[in-house]
């Protein structure tokens, strides 16, 4: 039985569209069932894997549109941290995929619920992060973990990030980069007005509550998309969502290698690992 592959190309990138034609021909030649995006929208359950030709933005769109379906990203963008396969490696990666030489790396996602005066005003979910971000003045945010008060953070806001989202806004704000396979979330204050800037990593099952305790303007954003203006007394409840973010990993796709190369995280670029770069 051949593998059933959804094939999606970034709409804004002509080079991704051109590559999509080439990839579709190659997959058909290798006896794979290819489902293009317009047909995938009708019945997502007809594919085993989605191959996304683009960057991390396309990966995020696919993860939101087709939750729980494994994604293999071929980078036709700039950084492409989640789209780990570089464009010139696409055929090698698809060879491994169709021969079954791959694994699926799963990561948690986040649900967010906004309540005001006891009523739920909004609920949604995020692949990367849930962010509370102030405007021109500082916002005061109380943080509770499993109903226990942690602290009040005056500053520019708060980030709750998944492992896959920890290398995005979370890392830019000075938060930790959570390694692949970590089952937890990063809690990171944005520019807190304090010399103490401790970030937290909480377990996946933790119940996180964020409370707005002053009158500064503040927005709620899920994966960078504004989802409501907040006001004093609002409670944002954040927890693990039912959906999983599932990324296809083939030989040569490695979190630490991607972290070193795509973010130029190489303190000594010429260093040769004494135990070998790719140990089994």
C-alpha atoms as a PDB file:
ATOM      1  CA  UNK A   1       0.000   0.000   0.000  1.00  0.00           C
ATOM      2  CA  UNK A   2       1.511   3.340  -1.031  1.00  0.00           C
ATOM      3  CA  UNK A   3       1.754   6.280   1.332  1.00  0.00           C
ATOM      4  CA  UNK A   4      -0.879   8.988   0.870  1.00  0.00           C
ATOM      5  CA  UNK A   5       0.724  12.434   0.809  1.00  0.00           C
ATOM      6  CA  UNK A   6      -0.922  15.829   1.015  1.00  0.00           C
ATOM      7  CA  UNK A   7       1.152  18.339  -0.957  1.00  0.00           C
ATOM      8  CA  UNK A   8       0.864  22.045  -0.161  1.00  0.00           C
ATOM      9  CA  UNK A   9       2.972  24.882  -1.590  1.00  0.00           C
ATOM     10  CA  UNK A  10       3.273  28.383  -0.122  1.00  0.00           C
ATOM     11  CA  UNK A  11       0.876  30.594  -2.089  1.00  0.00           C
ATOM     12  CA  UNK A  12       3.105  33.677  -1.875  1.00  0.00           C
ATOM     13  CA  UNK A  13       6.274  32.004  -3.170  1.00  0.00           C
ATOM     14  CA  UNK A  14       6.499  31.293  -6.938  1.00  0.00           C
ATOM     15  CA  UNK A  15       9.556  29.119  -6.318  1.00  0.00           C
ATOM     16  CA  UNK A  16       7.483  26.942  -3.964  1.00  0.00           C
ATOM     17  CA  UNK A  17       4.745  26.620  -6.585  1.00  0.00           C
ATOM     18  CA  UNK A  18       7.342  25.546  -9.191  1.00  0.00           C
ATOM     19  CA  UNK A  19       8.877  23.059  -6.788  1.00  0.00           C
ATOM     20  CA  UNK A  20       5.413  21.682  -6.052  1.00  0.00           C
ATOM     21  CA  UNK A  21       4.973  20.663  -9.695  1.00  0.00           C
ATOM     22  CA  UNK A  22       8.327  18.886  -9.654  1.00  0.00           C
ATOM     23  CA  UNK A  23       7.635  17.133  -6.342  1.00  0.00           C
ATOM     24  CA  UNK A  24       4.160  15.999  -7.460  1.00  0.00           C
ATOM     25  CA  UNK A  25       5.590  14.452 -10.638  1.00  0.00           C
ATOM     26  CA  UNK A  26       8.294  12.668  -8.639  1.00  0.00           C
ATOM     27  CA  UNK A  27       5.796  11.306  -6.088  1.00  0.00           C
ATOM     28  CA  UNK A  28       3.429  10.082  -8.811  1.00  0.00           C
ATOM     29  CA  UNK A  29       6.346   8.407 -10.572  1.00  0.00           C
ATOM     30  CA  UNK A  30       7.150   6.617  -7.292  1.00  0.00           C
ATOM     31  CA  UNK A  31       3.598   5.265  -6.961  1.00  0.00           C
ATOM     32  CA  UNK A  32       2.482   7.604  -4.177  1.00  0.00           C
ATOM     33  CA  UNK A  33      -1.030   8.953  -3.834  1.00  0.00           C
ATOM     34  CA  UNK A  34      -0.746  12.745  -4.049  1.00  0.00           C
ATOM     35  CA  UNK A  35      -3.533  14.963  -2.697  1.00  0.00           C
ATOM     36  CA  UNK A  36      -3.261  18.665  -3.533  1.00  0.00           C
ATOM     37  CA  UNK A  37      -4.459  21.392  -1.177  1.00  0.00           C
ATOM     38  CA  UNK A  38      -7.810  22.003  -2.866  1.00  0.00           C
ATOM     39  CA  UNK A  39      -8.708  18.307  -2.476  1.00  0.00           C
ATOM     40  CA  UNK A  40      -7.141  18.069   0.966  1.00  0.00           C
ATOM     41  CA  UNK A  41      -9.557  20.720   2.211  1.00  0.00           C
ATOM     42  CA  UNK A  42     -12.480  18.479   1.279  1.00  0.00           C
ATOM     43  CA  UNK A  43     -11.228  15.415   3.166  1.00  0.00           C
ATOM     44  CA  UNK A  44      -8.077  15.778   5.336  1.00  0.00           C
ATOM     45  CA  UNK A  45      -8.441  12.193   6.544  1.00  0.00           C
ATOM     46  CA  UNK A  46      -7.375  10.816   3.159  1.00  0.00           C
ATOM     47  CA  UNK A  47      -3.645  11.486   3.778  1.00  0.00           C
ATOM     48  CA  UNK A  48      -1.009   9.995   6.073  1.00  0.00           C
ATOM     49  CA  UNK A  49       1.435  12.917   5.901  1.00  0.00           C
ATOM     50  CA  UNK A  50       1.381  16.501   4.631  1.00  0.00           C
ATOM     51  CA  UNK A  51       4.465  17.749   2.788  1.00  0.00           C
ATOM     52  CA  UNK A  52       4.639  21.539   3.062  1.00  0.00           C
ATOM     53  CA  UNK A  53       6.804  23.471   0.585  1.00  0.00           C
ATOM     54  CA  UNK A  54       7.495  26.837   2.180  1.00  0.00           C
ATOM     55  CA  UNK A  55       8.668  28.160   5.523  1.00  0.00           C
ATOM     56  CA  UNK A  56       7.591  28.074   9.138  1.00  0.00           C
ATOM     57  CA  UNK A  57       4.554  30.234   8.345  1.00  0.00           C
ATOM     58  CA  UNK A  58       3.174  27.517   6.085  1.00  0.00           C
ATOM     59  CA  UNK A  59       3.940  24.853   8.691  1.00  0.00           C
ATOM     60  CA  UNK A  60       1.951  26.870  11.229  1.00  0.00           C
ATOM     61  CA  UNK A  61      -0.974  27.259   8.830  1.00  0.00           C
ATOM     62  CA  UNK A  62      -1.029  23.520   8.148  1.00  0.00           C
ATOM     63  CA  UNK A  63      -0.801  22.686  11.850  1.00  0.00           C
ATOM     64  CA  UNK A  64      -3.812  24.898  12.566  1.00  0.00           C
ATOM     65  CA  UNK A  65      -5.835  23.712   9.587  1.00  0.00           C
ATOM     66  CA  UNK A  66      -5.050  19.997   9.892  1.00  0.00           C
ATOM     67  CA  UNK A  67      -4.244  19.263  13.549  1.00  0.00           C
ATOM     68  CA  UNK A  68      -2.685  15.909  14.411  1.00  0.00           C
ATOM     69  CA  UNK A  69      -1.643  15.116  10.802  1.00  0.00           C
ATOM     70  CA  UNK A  70       2.167  14.656  10.623  1.00  0.00           C
ATOM     71  CA  UNK A  71       3.967  17.433   8.719  1.00  0.00           C
ATOM     72  CA  UNK A  72       7.184  17.320   6.720  1.00  0.00           C
ATOM     73  CA  UNK A  73       8.476  20.789   5.882  1.00  0.00           C
ATOM     74  CA  UNK A  74      10.747  21.546   2.924  1.00  0.00           C
ATOM     75  CA  UNK A  75      12.195  25.003   3.452  1.00  0.00           C
ATOM     76  CA  UNK A  76      11.549  27.518   0.702  1.00  0.00           C
ATOM     77  CA  UNK A  77      11.602  30.355   3.243  1.00  0.00           C
ATOM     78  CA  UNK A  78      14.301  32.116   5.219  1.00  0.00           C
ATOM     79  CA  UNK A  79      15.036  30.403   8.541  1.00  0.00           C
ATOM     80  CA  UNK A  80      12.773  27.378   8.333  1.00  0.00           C
ATOM     81  CA  UNK A  81      13.330  26.016  11.838  1.00  0.00           C
ATOM     82  CA  UNK A  82      10.268  23.761  11.678  1.00  0.00           C
ATOM     83  CA  UNK A  83      10.701  23.256   7.931  1.00  0.00           C
ATOM     84  CA  UNK A  84      13.961  21.420   8.539  1.00  0.00           C
ATOM     85  CA  UNK A  85      14.580  19.984   5.062  1.00  0.00           C
ATOM     86  CA  UNK A  86      16.464  22.376   2.818  1.00  0.00           C
ATOM     87  CA  UNK A  87      15.255  22.711  -0.746  1.00  0.00           C
ATOM     88  CA  UNK A  88      18.220  20.888  -2.308  1.00  0.00           C
ATOM     89  CA  UNK A  89      17.568  17.881  -0.004  1.00  0.00           C
ATOM     90  CA  UNK A  90      13.906  17.312  -0.874  1.00  0.00           C
ATOM     91  CA  UNK A  91      14.374  14.159  -2.934  1.00  0.00           C
ATOM     92  CA  UNK A  92      16.549  12.449  -0.315  1.00  0.00           C
ATOM     93  CA  UNK A  93      13.988  13.288   2.383  1.00  0.00           C
ATOM     94  CA  UNK A  94      11.037  12.030   0.344  1.00  0.00           C
ATOM     95  CA  UNK A  95      12.933   8.845  -0.507  1.00  0.00           C
ATOM     96  CA  UNK A  96      13.211   8.166   3.230  1.00  0.00           C
ATOM     97  CA  UNK A  97       9.585   9.128   3.796  1.00  0.00           C
ATOM     98  CA  UNK A  98       8.061   6.807   1.207  1.00  0.00           C
ATOM     99  CA  UNK A  99      10.302   3.932   2.275  1.00  0.00           C
ATOM    100  CA  UNK A 100       9.071   4.279   5.861  1.00  0.00           C
ATOM    101  CA  UNK A 101      12.394   5.485   7.267  1.00  0.00           C
ATOM    102  CA  UNK A 102      11.014   8.259   9.432  1.00  0.00           C
ATOM    103  CA  UNK A 103       9.591   8.928  12.861  1.00  0.00           C
ATOM    104  CA  UNK A 104       6.962  11.365  14.074  1.00  0.00           C
ATOM    105  CA  UNK A 105       7.939  13.806  16.809  1.00  0.00           C
ATOM    106  CA  UNK A 106       4.931  14.989  18.811  1.00  0.00           C
ATOM    107  CA  UNK A 107       4.680  18.161  20.834  1.00  0.00           C
ATOM    108  CA  UNK A 108       1.916  19.676  22.950  1.00  0.00           C
ATOM    109  CA  UNK A 109      -0.193  22.662  21.939  1.00  0.00           C
ATOM    110  CA  UNK A 110      -1.961  25.250  24.090  1.00  0.00           C
ATOM    111  CA  UNK A 111      -5.585  26.106  24.772  1.00  0.00           C
ATOM    112  CA  UNK A 112      -6.509  29.592  25.999  1.00  0.00           C
ATOM    113  CA  UNK A 113      -9.742  30.816  27.568  1.00  0.00           C
ATOM    114  CA  UNK A 114     -10.562  34.423  28.411  1.00  0.00           C
ATOM    115  CA  UNK A 115     -13.069  34.971  31.213  1.00  0.00           C
ATOM    116  CA  UNK A 116     -14.479  38.304  32.422  1.00  0.00           C
ATOM    117  CA  UNK A 117     -16.842  38.633  35.374  1.00  0.00           C
ATOM    118  CA  UNK A 118     -17.327  34.870  35.378  1.00  0.00           C
ATOM    119  CA  UNK A 119     -18.317  34.641  31.696  1.00  0.00           C
ATOM    120  CA  UNK A 120     -16.199  33.064  28.963  1.00  0.00           C
ATOM    121  CA  UNK A 121     -15.603  35.617  26.201  1.00  0.00           C
ATOM    122  CA  UNK A 122     -13.151  33.688  24.035  1.00  0.00           C
ATOM    123  CA  UNK A 123     -11.491  30.303  23.673  1.00  0.00           C
ATOM    124  CA  UNK A 124      -8.899  29.150  21.161  1.00  0.00           C
ATOM    125  CA  UNK A 125      -5.699  27.196  20.762  1.00  0.00           C
ATOM    126  CA  UNK A 126      -2.120  27.828  19.700  1.00  0.00           C
ATOM    127  CA  UNK A 127       0.715  25.771  18.250  1.00  0.00           C
ATOM    128  CA  UNK A 128       3.522  28.134  19.310  1.00  0.00           C
ATOM    129  CA  UNK A 129       2.470  30.537  22.033  1.00  0.00           C
ATOM    130  CA  UNK A 130      -0.159  32.437  23.964  1.00  0.00           C
ATOM    131  CA  UNK A 131       0.966  36.036  24.508  1.00  0.00           C
ATOM    132  CA  UNK A 132      -0.313  38.925  26.608  1.00  0.00           C
ATOM    133  CA  UNK A 133       1.269  42.126  25.290  1.00  0.00           C
ATOM    134  CA  UNK A 134       0.855  45.675  26.528  1.00  0.00           C
ATOM    135  CA  UNK A 135       0.810  48.897  24.542  1.00  0.00           C
ATOM    136  CA  UNK A 136       2.646  52.079  25.528  1.00  0.00           C
ATOM    137  CA  UNK A 137       2.530  51.495  29.307  1.00  0.00           C
ATOM    138  CA  UNK A 138       3.378  48.577  31.576  1.00  0.00           C
ATOM    139  CA  UNK A 139       0.771  45.972  32.373  1.00  0.00           C
ATOM    140  CA  UNK A 140       0.683  44.171  35.733  1.00  0.00           C
ATOM    141  CA  UNK A 141       0.021  40.436  35.385  1.00  0.00           C
ATOM    142  CA  UNK A 142      -0.474  37.975  38.216  1.00  0.00           C
ATOM    143  CA  UNK A 143       0.648  34.414  37.442  1.00  0.00           C
ATOM    144  CA  UNK A 144      -0.867  31.330  39.074  1.00  0.00           C
ATOM    145  CA  UNK A 145       0.296  27.739  38.458  1.00  0.00           C
ATOM    146  CA  UNK A 146      -2.110  24.998  39.538  1.00  0.00           C
ATOM    147  CA  UNK A 147      -4.042  27.674  41.485  1.00  0.00           C
ATOM    148  CA  UNK A 148      -0.925  28.649  43.466  1.00  0.00           C
ATOM    149  CA  UNK A 149       0.153  32.305  43.290  1.00  0.00           C
ATOM    150  CA  UNK A 150       3.618  32.673  41.754  1.00  0.00           C
ATOM    151  CA  UNK A 151       4.221  36.421  41.388  1.00  0.00           C
ATOM    152  CA  UNK A 152       3.020  39.720  39.945  1.00  0.00           C
ATOM    153  CA  UNK A 153       4.973  40.797  36.866  1.00  0.00           C
ATOM    154  CA  UNK A 154       4.944  44.476  35.850  1.00  0.00           C
ATOM    155  CA  UNK A 155       6.282  44.817  32.324  1.00  0.00           C
ATOM    156  CA  UNK A 156       5.397  44.485  28.652  1.00  0.00           C
ATOM    157  CA  UNK A 157       3.462  41.258  29.024  1.00  0.00           C
ATOM    158  CA  UNK A 158       3.788  37.491  29.288  1.00  0.00           C
ATOM    159  CA  UNK A 159       4.522  34.580  26.946  1.00  0.00           C
ATOM    160  CA  UNK A 160       3.396  30.984  27.439  1.00  0.00           C
ATOM    161  CA  UNK A 161       5.265  28.915  24.846  1.00  0.00           C
ATOM    162  CA  UNK A 162       5.212  25.303  23.704  1.00  0.00           C
ATOM    163  CA  UNK A 163       8.495  23.489  22.972  1.00  0.00           C
ATOM    164  CA  UNK A 164       8.157  24.187  19.236  1.00  0.00           C
ATOM    165  CA  UNK A 165       7.242  27.799  20.001  1.00  0.00           C
ATOM    166  CA  UNK A 166      10.086  28.287  22.467  1.00  0.00           C
ATOM    167  CA  UNK A 167      12.500  29.184  19.649  1.00  0.00           C
ATOM    168  CA  UNK A 168      10.204  31.976  18.409  1.00  0.00           C
ATOM    169  CA  UNK A 169       9.024  34.995  20.450  1.00  0.00           C
ATOM    170  CA  UNK A 170       9.926  33.163  23.660  1.00  0.00           C
ATOM    171  CA  UNK A 171      13.618  32.926  22.768  1.00  0.00           C
ATOM    172  CA  UNK A 172      13.663  36.495  21.424  1.00  0.00           C
ATOM    173  CA  UNK A 173      12.352  37.683  24.806  1.00  0.00           C
ATOM    174  CA  UNK A 174      15.164  35.869  26.641  1.00  0.00           C
ATOM    175  CA  UNK A 175      13.256  32.693  27.429  1.00  0.00           C
ATOM    176  CA  UNK A 176      14.564  29.116  27.284  1.00  0.00           C
ATOM    177  CA  UNK A 177      14.737  26.997  24.139  1.00  0.00           C
ATOM    178  CA  UNK A 178      12.987  23.739  25.042  1.00  0.00           C
ATOM    179  CA  UNK A 179      14.528  20.701  23.396  1.00  0.00           C
ATOM    180  CA  UNK A 180      12.543  18.403  21.132  1.00  0.00           C
ATOM    181  CA  UNK A 181      10.460  15.980  23.171  1.00  0.00           C
ATOM    182  CA  UNK A 182      10.052  18.193  26.264  1.00  0.00           C
ATOM    183  CA  UNK A 183       6.512  17.829  27.576  1.00  0.00           C
ATOM    184  CA  UNK A 184       6.088  21.218  29.184  1.00  0.00           C
ATOM    185  CA  UNK A 185       5.656  24.945  28.625  1.00  0.00           C
ATOM    186  CA  UNK A 186       7.835  28.016  29.113  1.00  0.00           C
ATOM    187  CA  UNK A 187       6.423  30.931  31.132  1.00  0.00           C
ATOM    188  CA  UNK A 188       8.367  34.052  30.168  1.00  0.00           C
ATOM    189  CA  UNK A 189       7.733  37.662  31.255  1.00  0.00           C
ATOM    190  CA  UNK A 190       8.384  40.263  28.540  1.00  0.00           C
ATOM    191  CA  UNK A 191      10.767  43.009  29.730  1.00  0.00           C
ATOM    192  CA  UNK A 192       9.734  42.750  33.418  1.00  0.00           C
ATOM    193  CA  UNK A 193      10.469  45.866  35.463  1.00  0.00           C
ATOM    194  CA  UNK A 194      12.674  43.974  37.882  1.00  0.00           C
ATOM    195  CA  UNK A 195      16.333  42.935  38.149  1.00  0.00           C
ATOM    196  CA  UNK A 196      15.021  39.394  38.768  1.00  0.00           C
ATOM    197  CA  UNK A 197      14.197  37.872  35.376  1.00  0.00           C
ATOM    198  CA  UNK A 198      13.601  34.221  36.175  1.00  0.00           C
ATOM    199  CA  UNK A 199      11.691  32.228  33.565  1.00  0.00           C
ATOM    200  CA  UNK A 200       9.697  29.135  34.453  1.00  0.00           C
ATOM    201  CA  UNK A 201       9.280  25.779  32.742  1.00  0.00           C
ATOM    202  CA  UNK A 202       6.130  24.042  33.939  1.00  0.00           C
ATOM    203  CA  UNK A 203       4.894  20.502  33.235  1.00  0.00           C
ATOM    204  CA  UNK A 204       2.461  19.834  30.426  1.00  0.00           C
ATOM    205  CA  UNK A 205      -0.395  19.091  32.825  1.00  0.00           C
ATOM    206  CA  UNK A 206      -0.036  22.432  34.657  1.00  0.00           C
ATOM    207  CA  UNK A 207      -2.990  24.809  34.788  1.00  0.00           C
ATOM    208  CA  UNK A 208      -1.781  28.364  34.169  1.00  0.00           C
ATOM    209  CA  UNK A 209      -3.856  31.439  35.040  1.00  0.00           C
ATOM    210  CA  UNK A 210      -2.896  34.995  34.119  1.00  0.00           C
ATOM    211  CA  UNK A 211      -4.792  37.890  35.705  1.00  0.00           C
ATOM    212  CA  UNK A 212      -4.683  41.523  34.546  1.00  0.00           C
ATOM    213  CA  UNK A 213      -4.476  43.705  37.680  1.00  0.00           C
ATOM    214  CA  UNK A 214      -4.126  47.252  36.336  1.00  0.00           C
ATOM    215  CA  UNK A 215      -5.761  49.425  33.690  1.00  0.00           C
ATOM    216  CA  UNK A 216      -3.041  49.433  31.018  1.00  0.00           C
ATOM    217  CA  UNK A 217      -4.134  48.432  27.497  1.00  0.00           C
ATOM    218  CA  UNK A 218      -3.186  44.829  26.749  1.00  0.00           C
ATOM    219  CA  UNK A 219      -3.874  42.408  23.898  1.00  0.00           C
ATOM    220  CA  UNK A 220      -4.284  38.636  23.830  1.00  0.00           C
ATOM    221  CA  UNK A 221      -2.488  36.973  20.904  1.00  0.00           C
ATOM    222  CA  UNK A 222      -2.507  33.320  19.871  1.00  0.00           C
ATOM    223  CA  UNK A 223       0.338  32.445  17.506  1.00  0.00           C
ATOM    224  CA  UNK A 224       0.752  36.146  16.760  1.00  0.00           C
ATOM    225  CA  UNK A 225      -2.902  36.739  15.889  1.00  0.00           C
ATOM    226  CA  UNK A 226      -4.795  39.284  18.054  1.00  0.00           C
ATOM    227  CA  UNK A 227      -7.771  37.649  19.732  1.00  0.00           C
ATOM    228  CA  UNK A 228      -9.093  40.317  22.061  1.00  0.00           C
ATOM    229  CA  UNK A 229      -8.349  43.408  24.119  1.00  0.00           C
ATOM    230  CA  UNK A 230      -7.936  42.760  27.827  1.00  0.00           C
ATOM    231  CA  UNK A 231      -8.951  44.821  30.840  1.00  0.00           C
ATOM    232  CA  UNK A 232      -8.485  44.833  34.596  1.00  0.00           C
ATOM    233  CA  UNK A 233      -9.796  41.648  36.222  1.00  0.00           C
ATOM    234  CA  UNK A 234      -9.649  39.497  33.094  1.00  0.00           C
ATOM    235  CA  UNK A 235      -8.453  35.938  33.648  1.00  0.00           C
ATOM    236  CA  UNK A 236      -6.695  34.026  30.870  1.00  0.00           C
ATOM    237  CA  UNK A 237      -6.595  30.287  31.546  1.00  0.00           C
ATOM    238  CA  UNK A 238      -3.906  28.415  29.612  1.00  0.00           C
ATOM    239  CA  UNK A 239      -3.476  24.629  29.518  1.00  0.00           C
ATOM    240  CA  UNK A 240      -2.486  21.796  27.197  1.00  0.00           C
ATOM    241  CA  UNK A 241      -4.862  21.478  24.237  1.00  0.00           C
ATOM    242  CA  UNK A 242      -6.154  18.140  22.908  1.00  0.00           C
ATOM    243  CA  UNK A 243      -4.376  18.568  19.533  1.00  0.00           C
ATOM    244  CA  UNK A 244      -0.736  17.578  19.030  1.00  0.00           C
ATOM    245  CA  UNK A 245       1.835  19.240  16.806  1.00  0.00           C
ATOM    246  CA  UNK A 246       3.348  16.350  14.828  1.00  0.00           C
ATOM    247  CA  UNK A 247       6.533  16.799  12.817  1.00  0.00           C
ATOM    248  CA  UNK A 248       8.043  14.159  10.529  1.00  0.00           C
ATOM    249  CA  UNK A 249      11.731  13.546  11.244  1.00  0.00           C
ATOM    250  CA  UNK A 250      13.985  11.757   8.769  1.00  0.00           C
ATOM    251  CA  UNK A 251      17.719  11.064   8.918  1.00  0.00           C
ATOM    252  CA  UNK A 252      19.548  14.380   8.921  1.00  0.00           C
ATOM    253  CA  UNK A 253      16.783  16.339  10.680  1.00  0.00           C
ATOM    254  CA  UNK A 254      17.962  17.111  14.171  1.00  0.00           C
ATOM    255  CA  UNK A 255      16.846  19.788  16.656  1.00  0.00           C
ATOM    256  CA  UNK A 256      20.352  20.626  17.875  1.00  0.00           C
ATOM    257  CA  UNK A 257      21.868  20.767  14.409  1.00  0.00           C
ATOM    258  CA  UNK A 258      19.039  23.053  13.277  1.00  0.00           C
ATOM    259  CA  UNK A 259      19.515  25.217  16.364  1.00  0.00           C
ATOM    260  CA  UNK A 260      23.241  25.594  15.686  1.00  0.00           C
ATOM    261  CA  UNK A 261      22.996  26.314  11.992  1.00  0.00           C
ATOM    262  CA  UNK A 262      19.749  28.234  11.484  1.00  0.00           C
ATOM    263  CA  UNK A 263      20.324  30.561  14.450  1.00  0.00           C
ATOM    264  CA  UNK A 264      24.114  30.695  13.922  1.00  0.00           C
ATOM    265  CA  UNK A 265      24.508  29.301  17.445  1.00  0.00           C
ATOM    266  CA  UNK A 266      28.120  28.274  16.984  1.00  0.00           C
ATOM    267  CA  UNK A 267      30.465  29.704  19.611  1.00  0.00           C
ATOM    268  CA  UNK A 268      33.437  28.024  17.943  1.00  0.00           C
ATOM    269  CA  UNK A 269      32.368  27.462  14.301  1.00  0.00           C
ATOM    270  CA  UNK A 270      35.412  25.350  13.468  1.00  0.00           C
ATOM    271  CA  UNK A 271      35.074  23.029  16.469  1.00  0.00           C
ATOM    272  CA  UNK A 272      35.107  19.284  15.707  1.00  0.00           C
ATOM    273  CA  UNK A 273      33.027  17.232  18.210  1.00  0.00           C
ATOM    274  CA  UNK A 274      35.303  14.799  20.038  1.00  0.00           C
ATOM    275  CA  UNK A 275      32.523  12.180  20.241  1.00  0.00           C
ATOM    276  CA  UNK A 276      31.353  12.686  16.675  1.00  0.00           C
ATOM    277  CA  UNK A 277      28.705  15.029  15.315  1.00  0.00           C
ATOM    278  CA  UNK A 278      26.037  12.372  14.664  1.00  0.00           C
ATOM    279  CA  UNK A 279      26.153   9.657  17.309  1.00  0.00           C
ATOM    280  CA  UNK A 280      23.662   6.807  17.287  1.00  0.00           C
END
